[in-house]
């Protein structure tokens, strides 16, 4: 039965954390990283609880809380997630998006579907509703205080160690660094305070969420 639900918000260290979960629980007890198509397939089988193998302990993937809420209620599993400075998260997501367009061999379907967006700027990308306040959208439906754990990417190592202790892991596995797209990123916004402020305004809900978690983390 599922004991842990890990909501993977894009560009918040979720791929590295997924590998660490596999080490901590065993690969066979951690779901393959869930995506939209997996969720839709599960619905056809009667929902996540019915679709997931009985031996699984951890569900990890790009799933909104609203999608896992029935499973959470049914299993009383611990719900966790990771956040990141909203501006940096958007920049990272944009850089990853542009990299996939420039290197279509990595994901031909995505590159073909978005070929018309090759010249899209950071602010144009960030202004699309689908790219605004994504952290808040993923977490909507459960107040941050009711999450078992919310870590911050800026404190990845320290928060990861804290989580391992909270979950009573006997041996906390080393935290791998995977899917790091810093090498794809130009120094976007370096010294560009006006654009940074625009990104903050476009993600006002995420800024408030991130600040709330930071304050709670520091004992506020």
C-alpha atoms as a PDB file:
ATOM      1  CA  UNK A   1       0.000   0.000   0.000  1.00  0.00           C
ATOM      2  CA  UNK A   2       1.168   3.518  -0.767  1.00  0.00           C
ATOM      3  CA  UNK A   3       2.822   5.176   2.232  1.00  0.00           C
ATOM      4  CA  UNK A   4       4.359   8.209   0.533  1.00  0.00           C
ATOM      5  CA  UNK A   5       3.064  10.483  -2.235  1.00  0.00           C
ATOM      6  CA  UNK A   6       5.794  12.630  -3.762  1.00  0.00           C
ATOM      7  CA  UNK A   7       4.485  15.450  -5.953  1.00  0.00           C
ATOM      8  CA  UNK A   8       7.160  16.277  -8.511  1.00  0.00           C
ATOM      9  CA  UNK A   9       6.839  19.916  -9.555  1.00  0.00           C
ATOM     10  CA  UNK A  10       8.950  20.439 -12.707  1.00  0.00           C
ATOM     11  CA  UNK A  11      12.472  21.800 -12.221  1.00  0.00           C
ATOM     12  CA  UNK A  12      12.565  21.405  -8.437  1.00  0.00           C
ATOM     13  CA  UNK A  13      15.055  18.544  -8.196  1.00  0.00           C
ATOM     14  CA  UNK A  14      12.472  15.804  -8.600  1.00  0.00           C
ATOM     15  CA  UNK A  15      14.503  13.548 -10.875  1.00  0.00           C
ATOM     16  CA  UNK A  16      17.399  13.419  -8.423  1.00  0.00           C
ATOM     17  CA  UNK A  17      14.986  12.878  -5.557  1.00  0.00           C
ATOM     18  CA  UNK A  18      13.253  10.066  -7.458  1.00  0.00           C
ATOM     19  CA  UNK A  19      16.535   8.165  -7.727  1.00  0.00           C
ATOM     20  CA  UNK A  20      17.159   8.668  -4.028  1.00  0.00           C
ATOM     21  CA  UNK A  21      13.692   7.269  -3.249  1.00  0.00           C
ATOM     22  CA  UNK A  22      14.481   4.191  -5.328  1.00  0.00           C
ATOM     23  CA  UNK A  23      17.633   3.656  -3.306  1.00  0.00           C
ATOM     24  CA  UNK A  24      15.871   4.184   0.010  1.00  0.00           C
ATOM     25  CA  UNK A  25      12.835   1.966  -0.655  1.00  0.00           C
ATOM     26  CA  UNK A  26      14.024  -0.320  -3.454  1.00  0.00           C
ATOM     27  CA  UNK A  27      13.247   0.239  -7.119  1.00  0.00           C
ATOM     28  CA  UNK A  28      10.368  -2.223  -7.113  1.00  0.00           C
ATOM     29  CA  UNK A  29       8.573  -0.292  -4.351  1.00  0.00           C
ATOM     30  CA  UNK A  30       8.751   3.123  -6.010  1.00  0.00           C
ATOM     31  CA  UNK A  31       6.455   3.888  -8.929  1.00  0.00           C
ATOM     32  CA  UNK A  32       7.958   4.694 -12.282  1.00  0.00           C
ATOM     33  CA  UNK A  33       7.848   8.483 -12.516  1.00  0.00           C
ATOM     34  CA  UNK A  34       4.169   9.233 -13.206  1.00  0.00           C
ATOM     35  CA  UNK A  35       3.129  11.565 -16.020  1.00  0.00           C
ATOM     36  CA  UNK A  36      -0.159  12.668 -17.587  1.00  0.00           C
ATOM     37  CA  UNK A  37      -0.580   9.592 -19.779  1.00  0.00           C
ATOM     38  CA  UNK A  38      -0.025   7.317 -16.764  1.00  0.00           C
ATOM     39  CA  UNK A  39      -2.699   9.124 -14.790  1.00  0.00           C
ATOM     40  CA  UNK A  40      -5.216   8.942 -17.631  1.00  0.00           C
ATOM     41  CA  UNK A  41      -4.559   5.218 -17.972  1.00  0.00           C
ATOM     42  CA  UNK A  42      -5.077   4.759 -14.231  1.00  0.00           C
ATOM     43  CA  UNK A  43      -8.451   6.526 -14.378  1.00  0.00           C
ATOM     44  CA  UNK A  44      -9.617   3.997 -16.941  1.00  0.00           C
ATOM     45  CA  UNK A  45      -8.774   1.272 -14.433  1.00  0.00           C
ATOM     46  CA  UNK A  46     -10.898   2.860 -11.721  1.00  0.00           C
ATOM     47  CA  UNK A  47      -8.383   5.250 -10.176  1.00  0.00           C
ATOM     48  CA  UNK A  48      -4.852   5.256  -8.811  1.00  0.00           C
ATOM     49  CA  UNK A  49      -5.593   3.000  -5.850  1.00  0.00           C
ATOM     50  CA  UNK A  50      -6.891   0.282  -8.169  1.00  0.00           C
ATOM     51  CA  UNK A  51      -4.225   0.758 -10.836  1.00  0.00           C
ATOM     52  CA  UNK A  52      -1.138   0.730  -8.629  1.00  0.00           C
ATOM     53  CA  UNK A  53       0.449  -2.613  -7.713  1.00  0.00           C
ATOM     54  CA  UNK A  54      -0.107  -3.635  -4.094  1.00  0.00           C
ATOM     55  CA  UNK A  55       3.621  -3.849  -3.362  1.00  0.00           C
ATOM     56  CA  UNK A  56       4.261  -0.156  -4.146  1.00  0.00           C
ATOM     57  CA  UNK A  57       5.145   2.054  -1.192  1.00  0.00           C
ATOM     58  CA  UNK A  58       5.928   5.341  -2.973  1.00  0.00           C
ATOM     59  CA  UNK A  59       4.102   7.218  -5.728  1.00  0.00           C
ATOM     60  CA  UNK A  60       6.277   9.881  -7.355  1.00  0.00           C
ATOM     61  CA  UNK A  61       5.541  11.931 -10.439  1.00  0.00           C
ATOM     62  CA  UNK A  62       4.166  15.040 -12.116  1.00  0.00           C
ATOM     63  CA  UNK A  63       0.772  14.713 -10.467  1.00  0.00           C
ATOM     64  CA  UNK A  64      -1.333  17.530  -9.075  1.00  0.00           C
ATOM     65  CA  UNK A  65      -2.541  17.101  -5.524  1.00  0.00           C
ATOM     66  CA  UNK A  66      -6.118  17.182  -6.796  1.00  0.00           C
ATOM     67  CA  UNK A  67      -5.354  14.065  -8.816  1.00  0.00           C
ATOM     68  CA  UNK A  68      -3.918  12.128  -5.887  1.00  0.00           C
ATOM     69  CA  UNK A  69      -6.354  13.431  -3.271  1.00  0.00           C
ATOM     70  CA  UNK A  70      -8.602  10.316  -3.371  1.00  0.00           C
ATOM     71  CA  UNK A  71      -5.534   8.107  -2.934  1.00  0.00           C
ATOM     72  CA  UNK A  72      -4.306  10.324  -0.101  1.00  0.00           C
ATOM     73  CA  UNK A  73      -7.633  10.096   1.699  1.00  0.00           C
ATOM     74  CA  UNK A  74      -7.905   6.350   1.163  1.00  0.00           C
ATOM     75  CA  UNK A  75      -4.363   5.481   2.284  1.00  0.00           C
ATOM     76  CA  UNK A  76      -3.541   8.383   4.637  1.00  0.00           C
ATOM     77  CA  UNK A  77      -0.147   8.452   2.931  1.00  0.00           C
ATOM     78  CA  UNK A  78       2.329  11.198   3.729  1.00  0.00           C
ATOM     79  CA  UNK A  79       2.357  13.890   1.021  1.00  0.00           C
ATOM     80  CA  UNK A  80       5.618  15.648   0.237  1.00  0.00           C
ATOM     81  CA  UNK A  81       6.986  18.011  -2.410  1.00  0.00           C
ATOM     82  CA  UNK A  82       9.894  20.310  -3.236  1.00  0.00           C
ATOM     83  CA  UNK A  83       9.797  24.004  -4.127  1.00  0.00           C
ATOM     84  CA  UNK A  84      12.237  26.447  -5.647  1.00  0.00           C
ATOM     85  CA  UNK A  85      12.617  30.200  -6.006  1.00  0.00           C
ATOM     86  CA  UNK A  86       9.758  30.867  -8.487  1.00  0.00           C
ATOM     87  CA  UNK A  87      11.801  33.059 -10.819  1.00  0.00           C
ATOM     88  CA  UNK A  88      14.629  30.544 -10.984  1.00  0.00           C
ATOM     89  CA  UNK A  89      12.153  27.710 -11.536  1.00  0.00           C
ATOM     90  CA  UNK A  90      10.569  29.489 -14.514  1.00  0.00           C
ATOM     91  CA  UNK A  91      13.973  30.276 -16.014  1.00  0.00           C
ATOM     92  CA  UNK A  92      15.038  26.660 -15.607  1.00  0.00           C
ATOM     93  CA  UNK A  93      11.822  25.363 -17.170  1.00  0.00           C
ATOM     94  CA  UNK A  94      12.205  27.803 -20.074  1.00  0.00           C
ATOM     95  CA  UNK A  95      15.823  26.757 -20.625  1.00  0.00           C
ATOM     96  CA  UNK A  96      14.819  23.098 -20.650  1.00  0.00           C
ATOM     97  CA  UNK A  97      11.974  23.841 -23.060  1.00  0.00           C
ATOM     98  CA  UNK A  98      14.294  25.706 -25.460  1.00  0.00           C
ATOM     99  CA  UNK A  99      16.918  22.975 -25.250  1.00  0.00           C
ATOM    100  CA  UNK A 100      14.377  20.371 -26.380  1.00  0.00           C
ATOM    101  CA  UNK A 101      13.470  22.563 -29.368  1.00  0.00           C
ATOM    102  CA  UNK A 102      17.120  22.997 -30.328  1.00  0.00           C
ATOM    103  CA  UNK A 103      17.777  19.270 -29.961  1.00  0.00           C
ATOM    104  CA  UNK A 104      14.664  17.583 -31.404  1.00  0.00           C
ATOM    105  CA  UNK A 105      16.374  14.188 -31.435  1.00  0.00           C
ATOM    106  CA  UNK A 106      15.849  13.972 -27.649  1.00  0.00           C
ATOM    107  CA  UNK A 107      12.062  14.250 -27.899  1.00  0.00           C
ATOM    108  CA  UNK A 108      10.843  14.510 -31.516  1.00  0.00           C
ATOM    109  CA  UNK A 109       7.144  14.694 -30.603  1.00  0.00           C
ATOM    110  CA  UNK A 110       7.572  17.649 -28.260  1.00  0.00           C
ATOM    111  CA  UNK A 111       9.908  19.428 -30.675  1.00  0.00           C
ATOM    112  CA  UNK A 112       7.508  18.998 -33.592  1.00  0.00           C
ATOM    113  CA  UNK A 113       4.472  20.158 -31.627  1.00  0.00           C
ATOM    114  CA  UNK A 114       6.275  23.307 -30.482  1.00  0.00           C
ATOM    115  CA  UNK A 115       8.383  24.111 -33.548  1.00  0.00           C
ATOM    116  CA  UNK A 116       6.466  27.366 -34.039  1.00  0.00           C
ATOM    117  CA  UNK A 117       7.713  28.551 -30.622  1.00  0.00           C
ATOM    118  CA  UNK A 118      11.404  28.427 -31.487  1.00  0.00           C
ATOM    119  CA  UNK A 119      11.812  32.209 -31.172  1.00  0.00           C
ATOM    120  CA  UNK A 120       9.666  32.580 -28.052  1.00  0.00           C
ATOM    121  CA  UNK A 121      11.274  34.789 -25.414  1.00  0.00           C
ATOM    122  CA  UNK A 122      11.487  34.086 -21.714  1.00  0.00           C
ATOM    123  CA  UNK A 123       8.799  36.644 -20.875  1.00  0.00           C
ATOM    124  CA  UNK A 124       6.506  35.367 -23.629  1.00  0.00           C
ATOM    125  CA  UNK A 125       6.904  31.850 -22.275  1.00  0.00           C
ATOM    126  CA  UNK A 126       6.380  32.979 -18.696  1.00  0.00           C
ATOM    127  CA  UNK A 127       3.263  34.959 -19.604  1.00  0.00           C
ATOM    128  CA  UNK A 128       1.354  31.890 -20.770  1.00  0.00           C
ATOM    129  CA  UNK A 129      -1.202  30.831 -18.163  1.00  0.00           C
ATOM    130  CA  UNK A 130       0.062  27.246 -18.242  1.00  0.00           C
ATOM    131  CA  UNK A 131       3.481  28.460 -17.061  1.00  0.00           C
ATOM    132  CA  UNK A 132       2.329  30.810 -14.295  1.00  0.00           C
ATOM    133  CA  UNK A 133       2.199  29.831 -10.606  1.00  0.00           C
ATOM    134  CA  UNK A 134       2.866  26.182 -11.407  1.00  0.00           C
ATOM    135  CA  UNK A 135       3.952  25.290  -7.884  1.00  0.00           C
ATOM    136  CA  UNK A 136       0.695  26.603  -6.423  1.00  0.00           C
ATOM    137  CA  UNK A 137      -1.299  24.760  -9.072  1.00  0.00           C
ATOM    138  CA  UNK A 138       0.404  21.454  -8.299  1.00  0.00           C
ATOM    139  CA  UNK A 139      -0.192  21.868  -4.560  1.00  0.00           C
ATOM    140  CA  UNK A 140      -3.742  23.246  -4.745  1.00  0.00           C
ATOM    141  CA  UNK A 141      -6.253  21.359  -2.631  1.00  0.00           C
ATOM    142  CA  UNK A 142      -4.071  20.765   0.411  1.00  0.00           C
ATOM    143  CA  UNK A 143      -2.824  23.652   2.533  1.00  0.00           C
ATOM    144  CA  UNK A 144       0.979  23.800   2.756  1.00  0.00           C
ATOM    145  CA  UNK A 145       0.796  23.266   6.514  1.00  0.00           C
ATOM    146  CA  UNK A 146      -0.890  19.891   5.904  1.00  0.00           C
ATOM    147  CA  UNK A 147       1.930  18.527   3.763  1.00  0.00           C
ATOM    148  CA  UNK A 148       4.129  16.124   5.692  1.00  0.00           C
ATOM    149  CA  UNK A 149       7.201  17.782   4.231  1.00  0.00           C
ATOM    150  CA  UNK A 150       8.045  20.627   1.834  1.00  0.00           C
ATOM    151  CA  UNK A 151      11.701  20.950   0.907  1.00  0.00           C
ATOM    152  CA  UNK A 152      13.493  23.796  -0.848  1.00  0.00           C
ATOM    153  CA  UNK A 153      15.875  23.158  -3.713  1.00  0.00           C
ATOM    154  CA  UNK A 154      18.119  25.945  -2.428  1.00  0.00           C
ATOM    155  CA  UNK A 155      18.676  23.773   0.665  1.00  0.00           C
ATOM    156  CA  UNK A 156      18.507  20.436  -1.143  1.00  0.00           C
ATOM    157  CA  UNK A 157      21.124  18.536   0.837  1.00  0.00           C
ATOM    158  CA  UNK A 158      20.088  19.796   4.282  1.00  0.00           C
ATOM    159  CA  UNK A 159      16.355  19.371   3.658  1.00  0.00           C
ATOM    160  CA  UNK A 160      16.896  15.933   2.159  1.00  0.00           C
ATOM    161  CA  UNK A 161      18.763  14.831   5.274  1.00  0.00           C
ATOM    162  CA  UNK A 162      15.953  16.259   7.417  1.00  0.00           C
ATOM    163  CA  UNK A 163      13.365  14.315   5.427  1.00  0.00           C
ATOM    164  CA  UNK A 164      15.328  11.092   5.805  1.00  0.00           C
ATOM    165  CA  UNK A 165      15.251  11.575   9.568  1.00  0.00           C
ATOM    166  CA  UNK A 166      11.529  12.371   9.567  1.00  0.00           C
ATOM    167  CA  UNK A 167      10.848   9.172   7.633  1.00  0.00           C
ATOM    168  CA  UNK A 168      13.118   7.117   9.902  1.00  0.00           C
ATOM    169  CA  UNK A 169      15.355   5.955   7.088  1.00  0.00           C
ATOM    170  CA  UNK A 170      18.024   3.764   8.662  1.00  0.00           C
ATOM    171  CA  UNK A 171      20.592   4.730   6.035  1.00  0.00           C
ATOM    172  CA  UNK A 172      20.016   7.959   4.148  1.00  0.00           C
ATOM    173  CA  UNK A 173      21.289   7.334   0.593  1.00  0.00           C
ATOM    174  CA  UNK A 174      23.525   9.822  -1.169  1.00  0.00           C
ATOM    175  CA  UNK A 175      21.586  12.378  -3.166  1.00  0.00           C
ATOM    176  CA  UNK A 176      22.411  12.143  -6.883  1.00  0.00           C
ATOM    177  CA  UNK A 177      22.451  15.193  -9.136  1.00  0.00           C
ATOM    178  CA  UNK A 178      20.460  14.381 -12.269  1.00  0.00           C
ATOM    179  CA  UNK A 179      18.713  16.365 -15.000  1.00  0.00           C
ATOM    180  CA  UNK A 180      20.656  19.495 -14.080  1.00  0.00           C
ATOM    181  CA  UNK A 181      20.116  21.887 -16.989  1.00  0.00           C
ATOM    182  CA  UNK A 182      22.443  24.641 -15.860  1.00  0.00           C
ATOM    183  CA  UNK A 183      24.694  23.856 -18.790  1.00  0.00           C
ATOM    184  CA  UNK A 184      21.823  24.762 -21.152  1.00  0.00           C
ATOM    185  CA  UNK A 185      21.131  28.102 -19.502  1.00  0.00           C
ATOM    186  CA  UNK A 186      22.411  31.428 -20.629  1.00  0.00           C
ATOM    187  CA  UNK A 187      22.771  34.066 -17.968  1.00  0.00           C
ATOM    188  CA  UNK A 188      19.186  35.114 -18.433  1.00  0.00           C
ATOM    189  CA  UNK A 189      18.122  38.139 -16.443  1.00  0.00           C
ATOM    190  CA  UNK A 190      21.614  38.804 -15.102  1.00  0.00           C
ATOM    191  CA  UNK A 191      21.333  42.421 -14.010  1.00  0.00           C
ATOM    192  CA  UNK A 192      17.851  42.704 -15.568  1.00  0.00           C
ATOM    193  CA  UNK A 193      15.826  43.686 -12.525  1.00  0.00           C
ATOM    194  CA  UNK A 194      12.823  44.864 -14.562  1.00  0.00           C
ATOM    195  CA  UNK A 195      12.338  41.448 -16.169  1.00  0.00           C
ATOM    196  CA  UNK A 196      12.887  39.713 -12.841  1.00  0.00           C
ATOM    197  CA  UNK A 197      10.171  41.855 -11.295  1.00  0.00           C
ATOM    198  CA  UNK A 198       7.870  40.944 -14.187  1.00  0.00           C
ATOM    199  CA  UNK A 199       8.443  37.268 -13.533  1.00  0.00           C
ATOM    200  CA  UNK A 200       7.750  37.767  -9.846  1.00  0.00           C
ATOM    201  CA  UNK A 201       4.472  39.528 -10.698  1.00  0.00           C
ATOM    202  CA  UNK A 202       3.469  36.775 -13.114  1.00  0.00           C
ATOM    203  CA  UNK A 203       4.042  34.264 -10.322  1.00  0.00           C
ATOM    204  CA  UNK A 204       2.699  36.208  -7.355  1.00  0.00           C
ATOM    205  CA  UNK A 205       0.966  33.159  -5.866  1.00  0.00           C
ATOM    206  CA  UNK A 206       4.141  31.105  -6.087  1.00  0.00           C
ATOM    207  CA  UNK A 207       6.150  33.934  -4.539  1.00  0.00           C
ATOM    208  CA  UNK A 208       3.753  34.033  -1.569  1.00  0.00           C
ATOM    209  CA  UNK A 209       3.863  30.231  -1.231  1.00  0.00           C
ATOM    210  CA  UNK A 210       7.645  30.127  -1.427  1.00  0.00           C
ATOM    211  CA  UNK A 211       8.027  32.926   1.124  1.00  0.00           C
ATOM    212  CA  UNK A 212       5.595  31.157   3.486  1.00  0.00           C
ATOM    213  CA  UNK A 213       7.592  27.921   3.305  1.00  0.00           C
ATOM    214  CA  UNK A 214      10.884  29.758   3.777  1.00  0.00           C
ATOM    215  CA  UNK A 215       9.506  31.520   6.845  1.00  0.00           C
ATOM    216  CA  UNK A 216       8.245  28.265   8.346  1.00  0.00           C
ATOM    217  CA  UNK A 217      11.551  26.578   7.593  1.00  0.00           C
ATOM    218  CA  UNK A 218      13.424  29.267   9.502  1.00  0.00           C
ATOM    219  CA  UNK A 219      11.100  28.905  12.476  1.00  0.00           C
ATOM    220  CA  UNK A 220       8.803  31.788  11.694  1.00  0.00           C
END
